PDB file of N, CA and C in Angstrom:
ATOM      1  N   MET A   1       0.824  -1.189   0.000  1.00  0.00           N
ATOM      2  CA  MET A   1       0.000   0.000   0.000  1.00  0.00           C
ATOM      3  C   MET A   1       0.868   1.252   0.000  1.00  0.00           C
ATOM      4  N   THR A   2       1.923   1.271   0.820  1.00  0.00           N
ATOM      5  CA  THR A   2       2.756   2.473   0.871  1.00  0.00           C
ATOM      6  C   THR A   2       3.553   2.663  -0.411  1.00  0.00           C
ATOM      7  N   GLU A   3       3.829   1.572  -1.133  1.00  0.00           N
ATOM      8  CA  GLU A   3       4.493   1.713  -2.421  1.00  0.00           C
ATOM      9  C   GLU A   3       3.590   2.460  -3.393  1.00  0.00           C
ATOM     10  N   THR A   4       2.298   2.165  -3.342  1.00  0.00           N
ATOM     11  CA  THR A   4       1.335   2.830  -4.215  1.00  0.00           C
ATOM     12  C   THR A   4       1.275   4.315  -3.886  1.00  0.00           C
ATOM     13  N   MET A   5       1.381   4.661  -2.605  1.00  0.00           N
ATOM     14  CA  MET A   5       1.375   6.057  -2.198  1.00  0.00           C
ATOM     15  C   MET A   5       2.564   6.783  -2.816  1.00  0.00           C
ATOM     16  N   GLY A   6       3.740   6.168  -2.732  1.00  0.00           N
ATOM     17  CA  GLY A   6       4.937   6.782  -3.300  1.00  0.00           C
ATOM     18  C   GLY A   6       4.841   6.939  -4.807  1.00  0.00           C
ATOM     19  N   VAL A   7       4.257   5.956  -5.456  1.00  0.00           N
ATOM     20  CA  VAL A   7       4.083   6.020  -6.908  1.00  0.00           C
ATOM     21  C   VAL A   7       3.131   7.148  -7.278  1.00  0.00           C
ATOM     22  N   ALA A   8       2.042   7.308  -6.529  1.00  0.00           N
ATOM     23  CA  ALA A   8       1.070   8.364  -6.827  1.00  0.00           C
ATOM     24  C   ALA A   8       1.706   9.736  -6.673  1.00  0.00           C
ATOM     25  N   ILE A   9       2.476   9.941  -5.606  1.00  0.00           N
ATOM     26  CA  ILE A   9       3.137  11.227  -5.407  1.00  0.00           C
ATOM     27  C   ILE A   9       4.203  11.450  -6.483  1.00  0.00           C
ATOM     28  N   GLY A  10       4.935  10.399  -6.824  1.00  0.00           N
ATOM     29  CA  GLY A  10       5.966  10.508  -7.858  1.00  0.00           C
ATOM     30  C   GLY A  10       5.390  10.851  -9.217  1.00  0.00           C
ATOM     31  N   ILE A  11       4.265  10.241  -9.565  1.00  0.00           N
ATOM     32  CA  ILE A  11       3.623  10.549 -10.849  1.00  0.00           C
ATOM     33  C   ILE A  11       3.163  12.009 -10.862  1.00  0.00           C
ATOM     34  N   GLY A  12       2.630  12.475  -9.747  1.00  0.00           N
ATOM     35  CA  GLY A  12       2.220  13.875  -9.666  1.00  0.00           C
ATOM     36  C   GLY A  12       3.394  14.821  -9.856  1.00  0.00           C
ATOM     37  N   LEU A  13       4.523  14.502  -9.234  1.00  0.00           N
ATOM     38  CA  LEU A  13       5.719  15.334  -9.398  1.00  0.00           C
ATOM     39  C   LEU A  13       6.238  15.293 -10.825  1.00  0.00           C
ATOM     40  N   LEU A  14       6.243  14.119 -11.432  1.00  0.00           N
ATOM     41  CA  LEU A  14       6.708  13.989 -12.808  1.00  0.00           C
ATOM     42  C   LEU A  14       5.821  14.769 -13.770  1.00  0.00           C
ATOM     43  N   LEU A  15       4.507  14.634 -13.616  1.00  0.00           N
ATOM     44  CA  LEU A  15       3.590  15.387 -14.472  1.00  0.00           C
ATOM     45  C   LEU A  15       3.768  16.890 -14.286  1.00  0.00           C
ATOM     46  N   THR A  16       4.001  17.319 -13.054  1.00  0.00           N
ATOM     47  CA  THR A  16       4.230  18.736 -12.789  1.00  0.00           C
ATOM     48  C   THR A  16       5.454  19.228 -13.542  1.00  0.00           C
ATOM     49  N   ALA A  17       6.546  18.474 -13.481  1.00  0.00           N
ATOM     50  CA  ALA A  17       7.774  18.866 -14.170  1.00  0.00           C
ATOM     51  C   ALA A  17       7.577  18.912 -15.679  1.00  0.00           C
ATOM     52  N   ILE A  18       6.875  17.933 -16.222  1.00  0.00           N
ATOM     53  CA  ILE A  18       6.642  17.899 -17.670  1.00  0.00           C
ATOM     54  C   ILE A  18       5.791  19.083 -18.106  1.00  0.00           C
ATOM     55  N   ILE A  19       4.727  19.363 -17.360  1.00  0.00           N
ATOM     56  CA  ILE A  19       3.834  20.458 -17.743  1.00  0.00           C
ATOM     57  C   ILE A  19       4.542  21.805 -17.616  1.00  0.00           C
ATOM     58  N   ILE A  20       5.348  21.981 -16.567  1.00  0.00           N
ATOM     59  CA  ILE A  20       6.105  23.229 -16.430  1.00  0.00           C
ATOM     60  C   ILE A  20       7.088  23.367 -17.590  1.00  0.00           C
ATOM     61  N   GLY A  21       7.741  22.277 -17.962  1.00  0.00           N
ATOM     62  CA  GLY A  21       8.700  22.315 -19.061  1.00  0.00           C
ATOM     63  C   GLY A  21       8.060  22.658 -20.390  1.00  0.00           C
ATOM     64  N   ILE A  22       6.853  22.182 -20.619  1.00  0.00           N
ATOM     65  CA  ILE A  22       6.189  22.406 -21.901  1.00  0.00           C
ATOM     66  C   ILE A  22       5.494  23.761 -21.936  1.00  0.00           C
ATOM     67  N   THR A  23       4.728  24.080 -20.913  1.00  0.00           N
ATOM     68  CA  THR A  23       3.884  25.271 -20.964  1.00  0.00           C
ATOM     69  C   THR A  23       4.406  26.439 -20.141  1.00  0.00           C
ATOM     70  N   ASP A  24       5.344  26.182 -19.223  1.00  0.00           N
ATOM     71  CA  ASP A  24       5.851  27.212 -18.315  1.00  0.00           C
ATOM     72  C   ASP A  24       4.698  27.892 -17.582  1.00  0.00           C
ATOM     73  N   SER A  25       3.771  27.066 -17.108  1.00  0.00           N
ATOM     74  CA  SER A  25       2.560  27.570 -16.467  1.00  0.00           C
ATOM     75  C   SER A  25       2.480  27.094 -15.025  1.00  0.00           C
ATOM     76  N   ALA A  26       1.984  27.956 -14.161  1.00  0.00           N
ATOM     77  CA  ALA A  26       1.813  27.594 -12.761  1.00  0.00           C
ATOM     78  C   ALA A  26       0.624  26.656 -12.567  1.00  0.00           C
ATOM     79  N   LEU A  27      -0.207  26.503 -13.587  1.00  0.00           N
ATOM     80  CA  LEU A  27      -1.356  25.604 -13.489  1.00  0.00           C
ATOM     81  C   LEU A  27      -0.935  24.139 -13.378  1.00  0.00           C
ATOM     82  N   SER A  28       0.331  23.846 -13.662  1.00  0.00           N
ATOM     83  CA  SER A  28       0.805  22.469 -13.575  1.00  0.00           C
ATOM     84  C   SER A  28       0.791  21.964 -12.142  1.00  0.00           C
ATOM     85  N   PHE A  29       0.693  22.854 -11.180  1.00  0.00           N
ATOM     86  CA  PHE A  29       0.655  22.404  -9.800  1.00  0.00           C
ATOM     87  C   PHE A  29      -0.656  21.715  -9.471  1.00  0.00           C
ATOM     88  N   ILE A  30      -1.625  21.787 -10.368  1.00  0.00           N
ATOM     89  CA  ILE A  30      -2.844  20.993 -10.207  1.00  0.00           C
ATOM     90  C   ILE A  30      -2.484  19.511 -10.269  1.00  0.00           C
ATOM     91  N   ALA A  31      -1.580  19.141 -11.187  1.00  0.00           N
ATOM     92  CA  ALA A  31      -1.129  17.750 -11.287  1.00  0.00           C
ATOM     93  C   ALA A  31      -0.411  17.338 -10.009  1.00  0.00           C
ATOM     94  N   PHE A  32       0.411  18.236  -9.472  1.00  0.00           N
ATOM     95  CA  PHE A  32       1.109  17.930  -8.218  1.00  0.00           C
ATOM     96  C   PHE A  32       0.106  17.746  -7.084  1.00  0.00           C
ATOM     97  N   ALA A  33      -0.870  18.635  -6.997  1.00  0.00           N
ATOM     98  CA  ALA A  33      -1.857  18.564  -5.921  1.00  0.00           C
ATOM     99  C   ALA A  33      -2.673  17.278  -6.002  1.00  0.00           C
ATOM    100  N   LEU A  34      -3.046  16.883  -7.214  1.00  0.00           N
ATOM    101  CA  LEU A  34      -3.810  15.644  -7.378  1.00  0.00           C
ATOM    102  C   LEU A  34      -2.976  14.429  -6.971  1.00  0.00           C
ATOM    103  N   GLY A  35      -1.740  14.360  -7.440  1.00  0.00           N
ATOM    104  CA  GLY A  35      -0.867  13.241  -7.087  1.00  0.00           C
ATOM    105  C   GLY A  35      -0.593  13.190  -5.594  1.00  0.00           C
ATOM    106  N   PHE A  36      -0.345  14.355  -5.003  1.00  0.00           N
ATOM    107  CA  PHE A  36      -0.083  14.413  -3.572  1.00  0.00           C
ATOM    108  C   PHE A  36      -1.330  14.045  -2.780  1.00  0.00           C
ATOM    109  N   GLY A  37      -2.485  14.511  -3.237  1.00  0.00           N
ATOM    110  CA  GLY A  37      -3.736  14.201  -2.552  1.00  0.00           C
ATOM    111  C   GLY A  37      -4.054  12.717  -2.577  1.00  0.00           C
ATOM    112  N   VAL A  38      -3.848  12.093  -3.728  1.00  0.00           N
ATOM    113  CA  VAL A  38      -4.091  10.648  -3.836  1.00  0.00           C
ATOM    114  C   VAL A  38      -3.113   9.887  -2.941  1.00  0.00           C
ATOM    115  N   GLY A  39      -1.843  10.281  -2.966  1.00  0.00           N
ATOM    116  CA  GLY A  39      -0.856   9.625  -2.114  1.00  0.00           C
ATOM    117  C   GLY A  39      -1.165   9.795  -0.643  1.00  0.00           C
ATOM    118  N   LEU A  40      -1.597  10.976  -0.248  1.00  0.00           N
ATOM    119  CA  LEU A  40      -1.944  11.227   1.147  1.00  0.00           C
ATOM    120  C   LEU A  40      -3.165  10.418   1.563  1.00  0.00           C
ATOM    121  N   ALA A  41      -4.149  10.315   0.674  1.00  0.00           N
ATOM    122  CA  ALA A  41      -5.339   9.518   0.971  1.00  0.00           C
ATOM    123  C   ALA A  41      -4.967   8.047   1.146  1.00  0.00           C
ATOM    124  N   LEU A  42      -4.074   7.549   0.304  1.00  0.00           N
ATOM    125  CA  LEU A  42      -3.625   6.158   0.433  1.00  0.00           C
ATOM    126  C   LEU A  42      -2.852   5.949   1.737  1.00  0.00           C
ATOM    127  N   LEU A  43      -2.069   6.944   2.128  1.00  0.00           N
ATOM    128  CA  LEU A  43      -1.328   6.851   3.379  1.00  0.00           C
ATOM    129  C   LEU A  43      -2.282   6.787   4.566  1.00  0.00           C
ATOM    130  N   ILE A  44      -3.289   7.620   4.575  1.00  0.00           N
ATOM    131  CA  ILE A  44      -4.273   7.616   5.655  1.00  0.00           C
ATOM    132  C   ILE A  44      -5.034   6.299   5.681  1.00  0.00           C
ATOM    133  N   TYR A  45      -5.422   5.804   4.500  1.00  0.00           N
ATOM    134  CA  TYR A  45      -6.130   4.523   4.408  1.00  0.00           C
ATOM    135  C   TYR A  45      -5.270   3.385   4.948  1.00  0.00           C
ATOM    136  N   ALA A  46      -3.991   3.348   4.556  1.00  0.00           N
ATOM    137  CA  ALA A  46      -3.099   2.287   5.022  1.00  0.00           C
ATOM    138  C   ALA A  46      -2.896   2.380   6.527  1.00  0.00           C
ATOM    139  N   GLY A  47      -2.754   3.585   7.035  1.00  0.00           N
ATOM    140  CA  GLY A  47      -2.575   3.757   8.470  1.00  0.00           C
ATOM    141  C   GLY A  47      -3.777   3.278   9.254  1.00  0.00           C
ATOM    142  N   ALA A  48      -4.959   3.594   8.766  1.00  0.00           N
ATOM    143  CA  ALA A  48      -6.183   3.172   9.440  1.00  0.00           C
ATOM    144  C   ALA A  48      -6.361   1.652   9.357  1.00  0.00           C
ATOM    145  N   LYS A  49      -5.965   1.077   8.233  1.00  0.00           N
ATOM    146  CA  LYS A  49      -6.155  -0.357   8.030  1.00  0.00           C
ATOM    147  C   LYS A  49      -5.203  -1.184   8.895  1.00  0.00           C
ATOM    148  N   TYR A  50      -3.946  -0.779   8.987  1.00  0.00           N
ATOM    149  CA  TYR A  50      -2.948  -1.616   9.648  1.00  0.00           C
ATOM    150  C   TYR A  50      -2.691  -1.239  11.104  1.00  0.00           C
ATOM    151  N   ASN A  51      -3.249  -0.152  11.586  1.00  0.00           N
ATOM    152  CA  ASN A  51      -2.984   0.276  12.955  1.00  0.00           C
ATOM    153  C   ASN A  51      -4.202   0.129  13.847  1.00  0.00           C
ATOM    154  N   ARG A  52      -5.042  -0.828  13.564  1.00  0.00           N
ATOM    155  CA  ARG A  52      -6.219  -1.052  14.390  1.00  0.00           C
ATOM    156  C   ARG A  52      -5.907  -1.987  15.506  1.00  0.00           C
TER     157      ARG A  52
END
């Protein structure tokens, strides 16, 4: 589960870098926020599941 969290955050960071490189736009942080949000949600889910 935590591997999936890292992958989600990593994909968000990669997409952010690609979008900034292509468009030079601050809107690329939407990709970062989505990736980080998904990773954080997975982290919370894993914590709740395994720490009962």
